[in-house]
Amino acid sequence: MGIRFCTEGNVILIVIEDTEEITALKKKKKEKQKREKKENLEKRIKAAKKIQAWWRGTLVRRTLLHAALRAWIIQCWWRLTLQRLLQKKRREALISYAHTERALVKLQSLVRMWRVHWRYCQVLNAIYIIQCHWQCHNCQTCALLRGHCVVTATHLQFHIEIINP
C-alpha cells in the first residue's frame, strides 16, 4: 500500500493507494498505449499501402499512356510512309505507262509512214514504167498522157487520161 498526499485548494487529502492496483493500472495503461500505438501503426501502414498502391497505379497508367502515344505516333508515321511509297509506285507506273504509250504511238506512226512511203514508191515505179512505155508510144500516136494518183492508208488510186490533141 502507498500513501499519497494531494492538495486541493486549502484542503489536504490523504490518499491511500494500493500499489499493486496502481501497478496493474499502470500496466493496463501501458498495454493500452501499446495497443493504441500498434493500432495507430497498423492504420498508418494501411494508409501508406493505399497511397503506394495509388501511386503505383498512377505510374503504370502514365507509362501505358506514354507507350500508347508512342505506338500511335509510330503507326501514323508508318501509314504516311506507306502512303508515300504507294504514291511513288503509282507515279512510276504512270510514267512507265506513258513511256510505253508514247513508244507505241511512235512505232505505229513509223509503220504507217513506212507503208505510205512503200505505196508511194510503188506509184512512182508504176509512173516510171507508164512514162517509159508512153514515150515509146507517144512518138507513134502523138497523144498526151495526164495522170492523177491518190495514196491512202488502205489502197492506191491511180487515174490516167489519154488526151489526143
Protein backbone atom coordinates (compact mmCIF):
# COMPACT_ATOMS: atom_id res chain seq x y z
CA MET A 1 0.00 0.00 0.00
CA GLY A 2 1.01 3.54 -0.63
CA ILE A 3 0.07 6.86 0.86
CA ARG A 4 -0.16 9.91 -1.18
CA PHE A 5 -0.90 13.50 -0.18
CA CYS A 6 -2.80 15.73 -2.57
CA THR A 7 -3.71 19.35 -2.05
CA GLU A 8 -6.84 20.76 -3.46
CA GLY A 9 -7.23 24.37 -2.59
CA ASN A 10 -6.99 24.70 1.28
CA VAL A 11 -7.73 21.05 1.81
CA ILE A 12 -5.06 18.40 2.11
CA LEU A 13 -6.18 14.99 1.07
CA ILE A 14 -4.52 11.86 2.12
CA VAL A 15 -4.99 9.15 -0.40
CA ILE A 16 -4.15 5.63 0.47
CA GLU A 17 -3.44 3.58 -2.59
CA ASP A 18 -2.87 0.03 -3.30
CA THR A 19 0.47 -0.20 -5.11
CA GLU A 20 -0.44 -3.43 -6.75
CA GLU A 21 -3.56 -1.86 -8.07
CA ILE A 22 -1.60 1.14 -9.25
CA THR A 23 1.00 -1.00 -10.94
CA ALA A 24 -1.77 -3.05 -12.55
CA LEU A 25 -3.43 0.15 -13.70
CA LYS A 26 -0.12 1.42 -14.97
CA LYS A 27 0.45 -1.88 -16.76
CA LYS A 28 -3.02 -1.72 -18.27
CA LYS A 29 -2.39 1.86 -19.26
CA LYS A 30 0.93 0.90 -20.86
CA GLU A 31 -0.67 -2.06 -22.60
CA LYS A 32 -3.47 0.16 -23.79
CA GLN A 33 -0.93 2.69 -25.06
CA LYS A 34 1.00 -0.13 -26.75
CA ARG A 35 -2.20 -1.43 -28.34
CA GLU A 36 -3.14 2.09 -29.43
CA LYS A 37 0.35 2.61 -30.83
CA LYS A 38 0.16 -0.74 -32.57
CA GLU A 39 -3.31 0.03 -33.96
CA ASN A 40 -2.15 3.50 -34.93
CA LEU A 41 0.92 2.00 -36.60
CA GLU A 42 -1.27 -0.56 -38.42
CA LYS A 43 -3.59 2.25 -39.58
CA ARG A 44 -0.62 4.27 -40.78
CA ILE A 45 0.84 1.22 -42.56
CA LYS A 46 -2.54 0.54 -44.17
CA ALA A 47 -2.82 4.18 -45.24
CA ALA A 48 0.76 4.12 -46.59
CA LYS A 49 -0.03 0.94 -48.54
CA LYS A 50 -3.11 2.60 -50.04
CA ILE A 51 -1.07 5.66 -51.03
CA GLN A 52 1.68 3.47 -52.51
CA ALA A 53 -0.86 1.38 -54.44
CA TRP A 54 -2.50 4.56 -55.77
CA TRP A 55 0.91 5.96 -56.79
CA ARG A 56 1.99 2.70 -58.48
CA GLY A 57 -1.33 2.63 -60.37
CA THR A 58 -0.79 6.24 -61.44
CA LEU A 59 2.72 5.43 -62.66
CA VAL A 60 1.51 2.35 -64.54
CA ARG A 61 -1.33 4.30 -66.18
CA ARG A 62 1.07 7.09 -67.13
CA THR A 63 3.57 4.57 -68.54
CA LEU A 64 0.82 2.85 -70.53
CA LEU A 65 -0.42 6.20 -71.81
CA HIS A 66 3.09 7.15 -72.94
CA ALA A 67 3.55 3.77 -74.61
CA ALA A 68 0.18 4.09 -76.38
CA LEU A 69 1.05 7.60 -77.58
CA ARG A 70 4.42 6.43 -78.86
CA ALA A 71 2.79 3.48 -80.65
CA TRP A 72 0.20 5.85 -82.17
CA ILE A 73 2.96 8.19 -83.38
CA ILE A 74 4.84 5.27 -84.95
CA GLN A 75 1.62 4.00 -86.60
CA CYS A 76 0.89 7.45 -88.05
CA TRP A 77 4.45 7.70 -89.37
CA TRP A 78 4.24 4.21 -90.88
CA ARG A 79 0.90 4.95 -92.58
CA LEU A 80 2.36 8.14 -94.02
CA THR A 81 5.45 6.25 -95.23
CA LEU A 82 3.28 3.55 -96.84
CA GLN A 83 1.13 6.23 -98.49
CA ARG A 84 4.24 7.95 -99.88
CA LEU A 85 5.57 4.63 -101.19
CA LEU A 86 2.21 3.88 -102.81
CA GLN A 87 2.13 7.32 -104.44
CA LYS A 88 5.70 6.82 -105.67
CA LYS A 89 4.79 3.41 -107.15
CA ARG A 90 1.69 4.88 -108.80
CA ARG A 91 3.72 7.73 -110.24
CA GLU A 92 6.35 5.31 -111.56
CA ALA A 93 3.63 3.09 -113.07
CA LEU A 94 2.02 6.11 -114.71
CA ILE A 95 5.36 7.29 -116.11
CA SER A 96 6.11 3.78 -117.36
CA TYR A 97 2.66 3.57 -118.97
CA ALA A 98 3.14 6.99 -120.60
CA HIS A 99 6.55 5.93 -121.98
CA THR A 100 5.07 2.69 -123.32
CA GLU A 101 2.14 4.50 -124.93
CA ARG A 102 4.46 7.12 -126.43
CA ALA A 103 6.70 4.37 -127.82
CA LEU A 104 3.68 2.51 -129.25
CA VAL A 105 2.34 5.67 -130.89
CA LYS A 106 5.79 6.40 -132.31
CA LEU A 107 6.10 2.83 -133.62
CA GLN A 108 2.62 2.95 -135.18
CA SER A 109 3.47 6.28 -136.76
CA LEU A 110 6.71 4.87 -138.19
CA VAL A 111 4.91 1.79 -139.56
CA ARG A 112 2.21 3.94 -141.18
CA MET A 113 4.87 6.23 -142.59
CA TRP A 114 6.76 3.23 -143.97
CA ARG A 115 3.55 1.83 -145.57
CA VAL A 116 2.73 5.18 -147.16
CA HIS A 117 6.31 5.51 -148.36
CA TRP A 118 6.17 1.96 -149.77
CA ARG A 119 2.91 2.73 -151.61
CA TYR A 120 4.36 5.99 -152.85
CA CYS A 121 7.39 4.11 -154.18
CA GLN A 122 5.02 1.65 -155.91
CA VAL A 123 3.18 4.55 -157.54
CA LEU A 124 6.45 6.13 -158.63
CA ASN A 125 7.62 2.86 -160.13
CA ALA A 126 4.29 2.49 -161.90
CA ILE A 127 4.54 6.06 -163.19
CA TYR A 128 8.09 5.49 -164.41
CA ILE A 129 7.03 2.32 -166.23
CA ILE A 130 3.99 4.04 -167.77
CA GLN A 131 6.04 7.07 -168.77
CA CYS A 132 8.71 4.90 -170.30
CA HIS A 133 6.14 2.93 -172.31
CA TRP A 134 4.18 6.06 -173.16
CA GLN A 135 7.23 7.84 -174.52
CA CYS A 136 7.73 4.99 -176.92
CA HIS A 137 4.01 5.03 -177.75
CA ASN A 138 3.84 8.85 -177.83
CA CYS A 139 6.15 9.05 -180.74
CA GLN A 140 3.83 6.85 -182.77
CA THR A 141 0.38 8.38 -181.91
CA CYS A 142 1.20 11.92 -180.70
CA ALA A 143 -1.27 11.84 -177.75
CA LEU A 144 -0.86 13.35 -174.26
CA LEU A 145 -0.97 11.41 -171.05
CA ARG A 146 -2.39 13.04 -167.91
CA GLY A 147 -2.24 11.08 -164.62
CA HIS A 148 -3.63 11.54 -161.14
CA CYS A 149 -2.59 9.43 -158.15
CA VAL A 150 -4.14 9.19 -154.61
CA VAL A 151 -2.35 7.23 -151.87
CA THR A 152 -4.39 6.30 -148.77
CA ALA A 153 -3.59 4.10 -145.81
CA THR A 154 -5.53 1.16 -147.23
CA HIS A 155 -5.24 1.38 -151.02
CA LEU A 156 -3.77 3.17 -154.00
CA GLN A 157 -5.90 5.05 -156.59
CA PHE A 158 -4.33 5.85 -159.91
CA HIS A 159 -6.16 7.60 -162.78
CA ILE A 160 -4.60 8.03 -166.21
CA GLU A 161 -6.19 10.05 -169.02
CA ILE A 162 -5.00 9.89 -172.57
CA ILE A 163 -5.74 13.13 -174.44
CA ASN A 164 -5.41 13.37 -178.17
CA PRO A 165 -4.60 16.90 -179.36
